All heavy atoms as atom14 arrays in JSON, in Angstrom:
{
  "sequence": "KSIATFGEHPYMSMSADAFVEIFGSGKDAVSFIAVKNIGEFDTLTQYL",
  "atom14_mask": [
    [1, 1, 1, 1, 1, 1, 1, 1, 1, 0, 0, 0, 0, 0],
    [1, 1, 1, 1, 1, 1, 0, 0, 0, 0, 0, 0, 0, 0],
    [1, 1, 1, 1, 1, 1, 1, 1, 0, 0, 0, 0, 0, 0],
    [1, 1, 1, 1, 1, 0, 0, 0, 0, 0, 0, 0, 0, 0],
    [1, 1, 1, 1, 1, 1, 1, 0, 0, 0, 0, 0, 0, 0],
    [1, 1, 1, 1, 1, 1, 1, 1, 1, 1, 1, 0, 0, 0],
    [1, 1, 1, 1, 0, 0, 0, 0, 0, 0, 0, 0, 0, 0],
    [1, 1, 1, 1, 1, 1, 1, 1, 1, 0, 0, 0, 0, 0],
    [1, 1, 1, 1, 1, 1, 1, 1, 1, 1, 0, 0, 0, 0],
    [1, 1, 1, 1, 1, 1, 1, 0, 0, 0, 0, 0, 0, 0],
    [1, 1, 1, 1, 1, 1, 1, 1, 1, 1, 1, 1, 0, 0],
    [1, 1, 1, 1, 1, 1, 1, 1, 0, 0, 0, 0, 0, 0],
    [1, 1, 1, 1, 1, 1, 0, 0, 0, 0, 0, 0, 0, 0],
    [1, 1, 1, 1, 1, 1, 1, 1, 0, 0, 0, 0, 0, 0],
    [1, 1, 1, 1, 1, 1, 0, 0, 0, 0, 0, 0, 0, 0],
    [1, 1, 1, 1, 1, 0, 0, 0, 0, 0, 0, 0, 0, 0],
    [1, 1, 1, 1, 1, 1, 1, 1, 0, 0, 0, 0, 0, 0],
    [1, 1, 1, 1, 1, 0, 0, 0, 0, 0, 0, 0, 0, 0],
    [1, 1, 1, 1, 1, 1, 1, 1, 1, 1, 1, 0, 0, 0],
    [1, 1, 1, 1, 1, 1, 1, 0, 0, 0, 0, 0, 0, 0],
    [1, 1, 1, 1, 1, 1, 1, 1, 1, 0, 0, 0, 0, 0],
    [1, 1, 1, 1, 1, 1, 1, 1, 0, 0, 0, 0, 0, 0],
    [1, 1, 1, 1, 1, 1, 1, 1, 1, 1, 1, 0, 0, 0],
    [1, 1, 1, 1, 0, 0, 0, 0, 0, 0, 0, 0, 0, 0],
    [1, 1, 1, 1, 1, 1, 0, 0, 0, 0, 0, 0, 0, 0],
    [1, 1, 1, 1, 0, 0, 0, 0, 0, 0, 0, 0, 0, 0],
    [1, 1, 1, 1, 1, 1, 1, 1, 1, 0, 0, 0, 0, 0],
    [1, 1, 1, 1, 1, 1, 1, 1, 0, 0, 0, 0, 0, 0],
    [1, 1, 1, 1, 1, 0, 0, 0, 0, 0, 0, 0, 0, 0],
    [1, 1, 1, 1, 1, 1, 1, 0, 0, 0, 0, 0, 0, 0],
    [1, 1, 1, 1, 1, 1, 0, 0, 0, 0, 0, 0, 0, 0],
    [1, 1, 1, 1, 1, 1, 1, 1, 1, 1, 1, 0, 0, 0],
    [1, 1, 1, 1, 1, 1, 1, 1, 0, 0, 0, 0, 0, 0],
    [1, 1, 1, 1, 1, 0, 0, 0, 0, 0, 0, 0, 0, 0],
    [1, 1, 1, 1, 1, 1, 1, 0, 0, 0, 0, 0, 0, 0],
    [1, 1, 1, 1, 1, 1, 1, 1, 1, 0, 0, 0, 0, 0],
    [1, 1, 1, 1, 1, 1, 1, 1, 0, 0, 0, 0, 0, 0],
    [1, 1, 1, 1, 1, 1, 1, 1, 0, 0, 0, 0, 0, 0],
    [1, 1, 1, 1, 0, 0, 0, 0, 0, 0, 0, 0, 0, 0],
    [1, 1, 1, 1, 1, 1, 1, 1, 1, 0, 0, 0, 0, 0],
    [1, 1, 1, 1, 1, 1, 1, 1, 1, 1, 1, 0, 0, 0],
    [1, 1, 1, 1, 1, 1, 1, 1, 0, 0, 0, 0, 0, 0],
    [1, 1, 1, 1, 1, 1, 1, 0, 0, 0, 0, 0, 0, 0],
    [1, 1, 1, 1, 1, 1, 1, 1, 0, 0, 0, 0, 0, 0],
    [1, 1, 1, 1, 1, 1, 1, 0, 0, 0, 0, 0, 0, 0],
    [1, 1, 1, 1, 1, 1, 1, 1, 1, 0, 0, 0, 0, 0],
    [1, 1, 1, 1, 1, 1, 1, 1, 1, 1, 1, 1, 0, 0],
    [1, 1, 1, 1, 1, 1, 1, 1, 0, 0, 0, 0, 0, 0]
  ],
  "atom14_positions": [
    [[-3.18, 5.81, -8.28], [-3.8, 4.6, -8.83], [-2.76, 3.72, -9.53], [-2.79, 2.49, -9.43], [-4.9, 5.01, -9.82], [-5.59, 3.86, -10.52], [-6.8, 4.37, -11.29], [-7.33, 3.32, -12.28], [-6.55, 3.26, -13.51], [0.0, 0.0, 0.0], [0.0, 0.0, 0.0], [0.0, 0.0, 0.0], [0.0, 0.0, 0.0], [0.0, 0.0, 0.0]],
    [[-1.8, 4.36, -10.2], [-0.81, 3.59, -10.96], [0.19, 2.87, -10.06], [0.77, 1.85, -10.47], [-0.06, 4.52, -11.92], [0.82, 5.39, -11.22], [0.0, 0.0, 0.0], [0.0, 0.0, 0.0], [0.0, 0.0, 0.0], [0.0, 0.0, 0.0], [0.0, 0.0, 0.0], [0.0, 0.0, 0.0], [0.0, 0.0, 0.0], [0.0, 0.0, 0.0]],
    [[0.43, 3.37, -8.85], [1.41, 2.72, -7.96], [0.73, 1.83, -6.91], [1.41, 1.19, -6.11], [2.31, 3.75, -7.25], [1.49, 4.67, -6.34], [3.11, 4.56, -8.26], [2.33, 5.61, -5.5], [0.0, 0.0, 0.0], [0.0, 0.0, 0.0], [0.0, 0.0, 0.0], [0.0, 0.0, 0.0], [0.0, 0.0, 0.0], [0.0, 0.0, 0.0]],
    [[-0.61, 1.81, -6.91], [-1.34, 0.99, -5.95], [-1.44, -0.46, -6.43], [-1.39, -0.75, -7.63], [-2.74, 1.56, -5.73], [0.0, 0.0, 0.0], [0.0, 0.0, 0.0], [0.0, 0.0, 0.0], [0.0, 0.0, 0.0], [0.0, 0.0, 0.0], [0.0, 0.0, 0.0], [0.0, 0.0, 0.0], [0.0, 0.0, 0.0], [0.0, 0.0, 0.0]],
    [[-1.55, -1.36, -5.47], [-1.83, -2.77, -5.74], [-3.24, -3.06, -5.24], [-3.57, -2.76, -4.08], [-0.83, -3.68, -5.03], [0.49, -3.4, -5.52], [-1.15, -5.15, -5.26], [0.0, 0.0, 0.0], [0.0, 0.0, 0.0], [0.0, 0.0, 0.0], [0.0, 0.0, 0.0], [0.0, 0.0, 0.0], [0.0, 0.0, 0.0], [0.0, 0.0, 0.0]],
    [[-4.08, -3.63, -6.11], [-5.48, -3.86, -5.76], [-5.73, -5.35, -5.52], [-5.26, -6.21, -6.28], [-6.39, -3.34, -6.87], [-6.3, -1.85, -7.07], [-5.4, -1.31, -7.99], [-7.09, -1.0, -6.32], [-5.3, 0.06, -8.16], [-7.0, 0.38, -6.49], [-6.09, 0.91, -7.41], [0.0, 0.0, 0.0], [0.0, 0.0, 0.0], [0.0, 0.0, 0.0]],
    [[-6.45, -5.65, -4.44], [-6.78, -7.03, -4.13], [-5.74, -7.71, -3.26], [-4.86, -7.07, -2.7], [0.0, 0.0, 0.0], [0.0, 0.0, 0.0], [0.0, 0.0, 0.0], [0.0, 0.0, 0.0], [0.0, 0.0, 0.0], [0.0, 0.0, 0.0], [0.0, 0.0, 0.0], [0.0, 0.0, 0.0], [0.0, 0.0, 0.0], [0.0, 0.0, 0.0]],
    [[-5.84, -9.01, -3.17], [-4.95, -9.79, -2.3], [-3.56, -9.92, -2.93], [-3.42, -9.96, -4.15], [-5.55, -11.17, -2.04], [-6.9, -11.1, -1.33], [-7.44, -12.48, -0.99], [-6.83, -13.14, -0.11], [-8.44, -12.89, -1.6], [0.0, 0.0, 0.0], [0.0, 0.0, 0.0], [0.0, 0.0, 0.0], [0.0, 0.0, 0.0], [0.0, 0.0, 0.0]],
    [[-2.55, -10.02, -2.07], [-1.17, -10.18, -2.54], [-0.36, -10.84, -1.42], [-0.79, -10.88, -0.26], [-0.55, -8.83, -2.94], [-0.66, -7.78, -1.88], [0.18, -7.72, -0.8], [-1.54, -6.75, -1.73], [-0.15, -6.68, -0.03], [-1.18, -6.09, -0.57], [0.0, 0.0, 0.0], [0.0, 0.0, 0.0], [0.0, 0.0, 0.0], [0.0, 0.0, 0.0]],
    [[0.81, -11.38, -1.73], [1.58, -12.15, -0.74], [2.05, -11.34, 0.46], [2.4, -11.92, 1.49], [2.79, -12.64, -1.55], [2.38, -12.54, -2.98], [1.43, -11.4, -3.06], [0.0, 0.0, 0.0], [0.0, 0.0, 0.0], [0.0, 0.0, 0.0], [0.0, 0.0, 0.0], [0.0, 0.0, 0.0], [0.0, 0.0, 0.0], [0.0, 0.0, 0.0]],
    [[2.09, -10.01, 0.34], [2.66, -9.19, 1.41], [1.63, -8.81, 2.46], [1.95, -8.11, 3.42], [3.27, -7.93, 0.83], [4.31, -8.19, -0.23], [4.04, -7.98, -1.58], [5.57, -8.67, 0.12], [4.99, -8.24, -2.55], [6.53, -8.92, -0.84], [6.23, -8.71, -2.18], [7.17, -8.98, -3.14], [0.0, 0.0, 0.0], [0.0, 0.0, 0.0]],
    [[0.38, -9.26, 2.31], [-0.67, -8.83, 3.23], [-0.47, -9.35, 4.64], [-0.97, -8.77, 5.6], [-2.04, -9.25, 2.7], [-2.41, -8.59, 1.39], [-4.08, -8.92, 0.84], [-5.0, -7.79, 1.85], [0.0, 0.0, 0.0], [0.0, 0.0, 0.0], [0.0, 0.0, 0.0], [0.0, 0.0, 0.0], [0.0, 0.0, 0.0], [0.0, 0.0, 0.0]],
    [[0.28, -10.43, 4.79], [0.48, -11.03, 6.11], [1.77, -10.55, 6.79], [2.13, -11.04, 7.85], [0.51, -12.55, 6.0], [1.57, -12.96, 5.14], [0.0, 0.0, 0.0], [0.0, 0.0, 0.0], [0.0, 0.0, 0.0], [0.0, 0.0, 0.0], [0.0, 0.0, 0.0], [0.0, 0.0, 0.0], [0.0, 0.0, 0.0], [0.0, 0.0, 0.0]],
    [[2.45, -9.59, 6.17], [3.7, -9.1, 6.75], [3.42, -8.3, 8.01], [2.32, -7.81, 8.24], [4.46, -8.24, 5.73], [4.97, -9.04, 4.54], [5.91, -8.03, 3.37], [7.4, -7.73, 4.32], [0.0, 0.0, 0.0], [0.0, 0.0, 0.0], [0.0, 0.0, 0.0], [0.0, 0.0, 0.0], [0.0, 0.0, 0.0], [0.0, 0.0, 0.0]],
    [[4.44, -8.16, 8.84], [4.27, -7.48, 10.12], [3.97, -6.0, 9.91], [4.19, -5.44, 8.83], [5.55, -7.61, 10.95], [6.65, -7.02, 10.27], [0.0, 0.0, 0.0], [0.0, 0.0, 0.0], [0.0, 0.0, 0.0], [0.0, 0.0, 0.0], [0.0, 0.0, 0.0], [0.0, 0.0, 0.0], [0.0, 0.0, 0.0], [0.0, 0.0, 0.0]],
    [[3.5, -5.36, 10.98], [3.05, -3.97, 10.89], [4.17, -3.0, 10.55], [3.92, -1.92, 10.02], [2.39, -3.56, 12.2], [0.0, 0.0, 0.0], [0.0, 0.0, 0.0], [0.0, 0.0, 0.0], [0.0, 0.0, 0.0], [0.0, 0.0, 0.0], [0.0, 0.0, 0.0], [0.0, 0.0, 0.0], [0.0, 0.0, 0.0], [0.0, 0.0, 0.0]],
    [[5.42, -3.38, 10.88], [6.53, -2.47, 10.61], [7.14, -2.68, 9.22], [8.15, -2.07, 8.88], [7.62, -2.61, 11.68], [8.16, -4.03, 11.78], [7.55, -4.93, 11.17], [9.18, -4.22, 12.47], [0.0, 0.0, 0.0], [0.0, 0.0, 0.0], [0.0, 0.0, 0.0], [0.0, 0.0, 0.0], [0.0, 0.0, 0.0], [0.0, 0.0, 0.0]],
    [[6.54, -3.52, 8.4], [7.04, -3.73, 7.04], [6.62, -2.56, 6.16], [5.73, -1.78, 6.5], [6.48, -5.03, 6.47], [0.0, 0.0, 0.0], [0.0, 0.0, 0.0], [0.0, 0.0, 0.0], [0.0, 0.0, 0.0], [0.0, 0.0, 0.0], [0.0, 0.0, 0.0], [0.0, 0.0, 0.0], [0.0, 0.0, 0.0], [0.0, 0.0, 0.0]],
    [[7.3, -2.44, 5.01], [7.01, -1.33, 4.1], [5.8, -1.66, 3.23], [5.9, -1.82, 2.01], [8.24, -1.01, 3.25], [9.35, -0.39, 4.04], [10.48, -1.13, 4.36], [9.26, 0.91, 4.49], [11.51, -0.56, 5.1], [10.27, 1.49, 5.23], [11.4, 0.75, 5.54], [0.0, 0.0, 0.0], [0.0, 0.0, 0.0], [0.0, 0.0, 0.0]],
    [[4.65, -1.77, 3.89], [3.39, -2.03, 3.21], [2.31, -1.16, 3.85], [2.18, -1.14, 5.07], [2.98, -3.51, 3.3], [1.68, -3.75, 2.54], [4.08, -4.42, 2.77], [0.0, 0.0, 0.0], [0.0, 0.0, 0.0], [0.0, 0.0, 0.0], [0.0, 0.0, 0.0], [0.0, 0.0, 0.0], [0.0, 0.0, 0.0], [0.0, 0.0, 0.0]],
    [[1.57, -0.45, 3.05], [0.45, 0.37, 3.54], [-0.82, -0.2, 2.92], [-0.96, -0.23, 1.69], [0.64, 1.82, 3.11], [-0.31, 2.8, 3.77], [0.09, 3.15, 5.19], [1.19, 3.67, 5.4], [-0.74, 2.88, 6.08], [0.0, 0.0, 0.0], [0.0, 0.0, 0.0], [0.0, 0.0, 0.0], [0.0, 0.0, 0.0], [0.0, 0.0, 0.0]],
    [[-1.74, -0.71, 3.76], [-2.92, -1.41, 3.26], [-4.19, -0.75, 3.77], [-4.31, -0.46, 4.96], [-2.91, -2.89, 3.69], [-1.63, -3.58, 3.22], [-4.13, -3.62, 3.14], [-1.47, -5.0, 3.73], [0.0, 0.0, 0.0], [0.0, 0.0, 0.0], [0.0, 0.0, 0.0], [0.0, 0.0, 0.0], [0.0, 0.0, 0.0], [0.0, 0.0, 0.0]],
    [[-5.14, -0.52, 2.87], [-6.46, -0.01, 3.23], [-7.5, -1.02, 2.75], [-7.52, -1.4, 1.58], [-6.7, 1.35, 2.58], [-5.72, 2.39, 3.0], [-4.56, 2.62, 2.27], [-5.93, 3.14, 4.15], [-3.63, 3.58, 2.67], [-5.02, 4.1, 4.56], [-3.87, 4.32, 3.82], [0.0, 0.0, 0.0], [0.0, 0.0, 0.0], [0.0, 0.0, 0.0]],
    [[-8.36, -1.47, 3.66], [-9.31, -2.51, 3.31], [-8.7, -3.89, 3.49], [-7.58, -4.03, 3.99], [0.0, 0.0, 0.0], [0.0, 0.0, 0.0], [0.0, 0.0, 0.0], [0.0, 0.0, 0.0], [0.0, 0.0, 0.0], [0.0, 0.0, 0.0], [0.0, 0.0, 0.0], [0.0, 0.0, 0.0], [0.0, 0.0, 0.0], [0.0, 0.0, 0.0]],
    [[-9.44, -4.91, 3.08], [-8.96, -6.27, 3.26], [-9.4, -7.16, 2.1], [-10.32, -6.82, 1.35], [-9.49, -6.85, 4.58], [-10.91, -6.87, 4.57], [0.0, 0.0, 0.0], [0.0, 0.0, 0.0], [0.0, 0.0, 0.0], [0.0, 0.0, 0.0], [0.0, 0.0, 0.0], [0.0, 0.0, 0.0], [0.0, 0.0, 0.0], [0.0, 0.0, 0.0]],
    [[-8.72, -8.27, 1.98], [-9.08, -9.25, 0.98], [-9.05, -8.69, -0.44], [-8.18, -7.92, -0.81], [0.0, 0.0, 0.0], [0.0, 0.0, 0.0], [0.0, 0.0, 0.0], [0.0, 0.0, 0.0], [0.0, 0.0, 0.0], [0.0, 0.0, 0.0], [0.0, 0.0, 0.0], [0.0, 0.0, 0.0], [0.0, 0.0, 0.0], [0.0, 0.0, 0.0]],
    [[-10.06, -9.06, -1.23], [-10.1, -8.63, -2.62], [-10.36, -7.14, -2.77], [-10.13, -6.57, -3.84], [-11.17, -9.42, -3.38], [-12.58, -9.19, -2.87], [-13.59, -10.0, -3.66], [-15.01, -9.73, -3.17], [-16.0, -10.51, -3.96], [0.0, 0.0, 0.0], [0.0, 0.0, 0.0], [0.0, 0.0, 0.0], [0.0, 0.0, 0.0], [0.0, 0.0, 0.0]],
    [[-10.83, -6.48, -1.7], [-11.1, -5.05, -1.76], [-9.93, -4.2, -1.25], [-10.04, -2.98, -1.14], [-12.35, -4.71, -0.93], [-13.62, -5.22, -1.59], [-13.68, -5.19, -2.83], [-14.54, -5.63, -0.86], [0.0, 0.0, 0.0], [0.0, 0.0, 0.0], [0.0, 0.0, 0.0], [0.0, 0.0, 0.0], [0.0, 0.0, 0.0], [0.0, 0.0, 0.0]],
    [[-8.81, -4.85, -0.94], [-7.67, -4.11, -0.38], [-7.03, -3.2, -1.43], [-6.96, -3.53, -2.62], [-6.64, -5.09, 0.15], [0.0, 0.0, 0.0], [0.0, 0.0, 0.0], [0.0, 0.0, 0.0], [0.0, 0.0, 0.0], [0.0, 0.0, 0.0], [0.0, 0.0, 0.0], [0.0, 0.0, 0.0], [0.0, 0.0, 0.0], [0.0, 0.0, 0.0]],
    [[-6.58, -2.06, -0.96], [-5.78, -1.13, -1.77], [-4.46, -0.98, -1.03], [-4.44, -0.5, 0.11], [-6.46, 0.23, -1.95], [-5.58, 1.16, -2.78], [-7.83, 0.07, -2.59], [0.0, 0.0, 0.0], [0.0, 0.0, 0.0], [0.0, 0.0, 0.0], [0.0, 0.0, 0.0], [0.0, 0.0, 0.0], [0.0, 0.0, 0.0], [0.0, 0.0, 0.0]],
    [[-3.35, -1.36, -1.67], [-2.06, -1.42, -0.98], [-0.99, -0.62, -1.72], [-1.04, -0.44, -2.94], [-1.59, -2.88, -0.86], [-2.58, -3.69, -0.27], [0.0, 0.0, 0.0], [0.0, 0.0, 0.0], [0.0, 0.0, 0.0], [0.0, 0.0, 0.0], [0.0, 0.0, 0.0], [0.0, 0.0, 0.0], [0.0, 0.0, 0.0], [0.0, 0.0, 0.0]],
    [[-0.01, -0.18, -0.93], [1.18, 0.49, -1.47], [2.36, -0.24, -0.87], [2.51, -0.32, 0.35], [1.17, 1.97, -1.12], [-0.01, 2.69, -1.71], [-1.22, 2.74, -1.04], [0.09, 3.3, -2.96], [-2.32, 3.39, -1.58], [-1.02, 3.94, -3.52], [-2.22, 3.98, -2.83], [0.0, 0.0, 0.0], [0.0, 0.0, 0.0], [0.0, 0.0, 0.0]],
    [[3.19, -0.8, -1.75], [4.23, -1.72, -1.33], [5.6, -1.18, -1.71], [5.79, -0.65, -2.8], [4.01, -3.1, -1.99], [2.61, -3.63, -1.65], [5.07, -4.1, -1.55], [2.2, -4.84, -2.47], [0.0, 0.0, 0.0], [0.0, 0.0, 0.0], [0.0, 0.0, 0.0], [0.0, 0.0, 0.0], [0.0, 0.0, 0.0], [0.0, 0.0, 0.0]],
    [[6.54, -1.34, -0.77], [7.96, -0.96, -0.95], [8.17, 0.52, -0.65], [7.26, 1.34, -0.72], [8.47, -1.31, -2.34], [0.0, 0.0, 0.0], [0.0, 0.0, 0.0], [0.0, 0.0, 0.0], [0.0, 0.0, 0.0], [0.0, 0.0, 0.0], [0.0, 0.0, 0.0], [0.0, 0.0, 0.0], [0.0, 0.0, 0.0], [0.0, 0.0, 0.0]],
    [[9.43, 0.82, -0.32], [9.79, 2.15, 0.17], [9.45, 3.25, -0.83], [8.86, 4.28, -0.48], [11.3, 2.2, 0.5], [11.72, 3.61, 0.89], [11.63, 1.23, 1.62], [0.0, 0.0, 0.0], [0.0, 0.0, 0.0], [0.0, 0.0, 0.0], [0.0, 0.0, 0.0], [0.0, 0.0, 0.0], [0.0, 0.0, 0.0], [0.0, 0.0, 0.0]],
    [[9.8, 3.06, -2.1], [9.59, 4.09, -3.11], [8.1, 4.42, -3.25], [7.7, 5.6, -3.25], [10.15, 3.66, -4.46], [10.01, 4.71, -5.56], [10.66, 4.23, -6.85], [10.58, 5.28, -7.95], [9.18, 5.57, -8.34], [0.0, 0.0, 0.0], [0.0, 0.0, 0.0], [0.0, 0.0, 0.0], [0.0, 0.0, 0.0], [0.0, 0.0, 0.0]],
    [[7.26, 3.41, -3.36], [5.83, 3.65, -3.53], [5.2, 4.26, -2.3], [4.33, 5.14, -2.4], [5.11, 2.34, -3.88], [5.38, 1.89, -5.3], [5.79, 2.68, -6.14], [5.18, 0.61, -5.58], [0.0, 0.0, 0.0], [0.0, 0.0, 0.0], [0.0, 0.0, 0.0], [0.0, 0.0, 0.0], [0.0, 0.0, 0.0], [0.0, 0.0, 0.0]],
    [[5.62, 3.83, -1.12], [5.07, 4.41, 0.11], [5.51, 5.87, 0.25], [4.73, 6.72, 0.68], [5.51, 3.58, 1.33], [4.77, 2.24, 1.31], [5.23, 4.33, 2.64], [5.12, 1.32, 2.45], [0.0, 0.0, 0.0], [0.0, 0.0, 0.0], [0.0, 0.0, 0.0], [0.0, 0.0, 0.0], [0.0, 0.0, 0.0], [0.0, 0.0, 0.0]],
    [[6.75, 6.17, -0.17], [7.2, 7.57, -0.15], [6.36, 8.44, -1.07], [5.95, 9.55, -0.7], [0.0, 0.0, 0.0], [0.0, 0.0, 0.0], [0.0, 0.0, 0.0], [0.0, 0.0, 0.0], [0.0, 0.0, 0.0], [0.0, 0.0, 0.0], [0.0, 0.0, 0.0], [0.0, 0.0, 0.0], [0.0, 0.0, 0.0], [0.0, 0.0, 0.0]],
    [[6.08, 7.93, -2.28], [5.22, 8.68, -3.2], [3.8, 8.79, -2.66], [3.16, 9.84, -2.79], [5.21, 7.98, -4.57], [6.47, 8.21, -5.4], [6.26, 7.85, -6.86], [5.7, 8.68, -7.6], [6.65, 6.72, -7.24], [0.0, 0.0, 0.0], [0.0, 0.0, 0.0], [0.0, 0.0, 0.0], [0.0, 0.0, 0.0], [0.0, 0.0, 0.0]],
    [[3.31, 7.71, -2.07], [1.97, 7.73, -1.48], [1.87, 8.83, -0.42], [0.91, 9.61, -0.41], [1.68, 6.36, -0.86], [0.49, 6.34, 0.05], [-0.8, 6.3, -0.46], [0.66, 6.36, 1.43], [-1.9, 6.29, 0.39], [-0.43, 6.33, 2.29], [-1.71, 6.3, 1.76], [0.0, 0.0, 0.0], [0.0, 0.0, 0.0], [0.0, 0.0, 0.0]],
    [[2.86, 8.93, 0.46], [2.85, 9.95, 1.51], [2.87, 11.35, 0.92], [2.11, 12.24, 1.34], [4.04, 9.76, 2.45], [3.88, 8.54, 3.35], [2.73, 8.1, 3.55], [4.91, 8.04, 3.84], [0.0, 0.0, 0.0], [0.0, 0.0, 0.0], [0.0, 0.0, 0.0], [0.0, 0.0, 0.0], [0.0, 0.0, 0.0], [0.0, 0.0, 0.0]],
    [[3.74, 11.57, -0.08], [3.86, 12.89, -0.69], [2.59, 13.3, -1.42], [2.09, 14.43, -1.27], [5.05, 12.91, -1.67], [6.25, 12.59, -0.97], [5.2, 14.28, -2.32], [0.0, 0.0, 0.0], [0.0, 0.0, 0.0], [0.0, 0.0, 0.0], [0.0, 0.0, 0.0], [0.0, 0.0, 0.0], [0.0, 0.0, 0.0], [0.0, 0.0, 0.0]],
    [[2.04, 12.39, -2.2], [0.85, 12.7, -3.0], [-0.38, 12.91, -2.13], [-1.15, 13.86, -2.34], [0.6, 11.58, -4.0], [1.64, 11.41, -5.12], [1.44, 10.09, -5.84], [1.59, 12.57, -6.1], [0.0, 0.0, 0.0], [0.0, 0.0, 0.0], [0.0, 0.0, 0.0], [0.0, 0.0, 0.0], [0.0, 0.0, 0.0], [0.0, 0.0, 0.0]],
    [[-0.57, 12.05, -1.14], [-1.77, 12.2, -0.3], [-1.66, 13.43, 0.6], [-2.67, 14.07, 0.89], [-2.0, 10.94, 0.56], [-0.82, 10.64, 1.31], [-2.37, 9.76, -0.31], [0.0, 0.0, 0.0], [0.0, 0.0, 0.0], [0.0, 0.0, 0.0], [0.0, 0.0, 0.0], [0.0, 0.0, 0.0], [0.0, 0.0, 0.0], [0.0, 0.0, 0.0]],
    [[-0.45, 13.78, 1.02], [-0.27, 15.01, 1.81], [-0.66, 16.23, 0.99], [-1.32, 17.15, 1.49], [1.18, 15.12, 2.27], [1.46, 16.24, 3.25], [0.95, 15.96, 4.64], [0.04, 16.62, 5.1], [1.53, 14.97, 5.31], [0.0, 0.0, 0.0], [0.0, 0.0, 0.0], [0.0, 0.0, 0.0], [0.0, 0.0, 0.0], [0.0, 0.0, 0.0]],
    [[-0.28, 16.25, -0.27], [-0.64, 17.35, -1.16], [-2.15, 17.44, -1.33], [-2.75, 18.51, -1.21], [0.03, 17.16, -2.52], [-0.36, 18.21, -3.55], [0.39, 19.38, -3.69], [-1.47, 18.04, -4.36], [0.03, 20.34, -4.62], [-1.84, 18.99, -5.29], [-1.08, 20.15, -5.42], [-1.45, 21.11, -6.34], [0.0, 0.0, 0.0], [0.0, 0.0, 0.0]],
    [[-2.78, 16.31, -1.62], [-4.23, 16.29, -1.83], [-4.98, 16.64, -0.55], [-6.0, 17.35, -0.59], [-4.66, 14.91, -2.33], [-4.16, 14.53, -3.73], [-4.41, 13.05, -4.01], [-4.81, 15.4, -4.81], [0.0, 0.0, 0.0], [0.0, 0.0, 0.0], [0.0, 0.0, 0.0], [0.0, 0.0, 0.0], [0.0, 0.0, 0.0], [0.0, 0.0, 0.0]]
  ]
}
């Protein structure tokens, strides 16, 4: 929750190969942006 970005942000229109992981859309989007956060996202969700 602390490393997630909630809602709309400038990176939502980036290409699919960018370092952005997005679930949902618009104001309901939950995103993880940049290499470090996506790495933590992968590690934490794999554990859970």
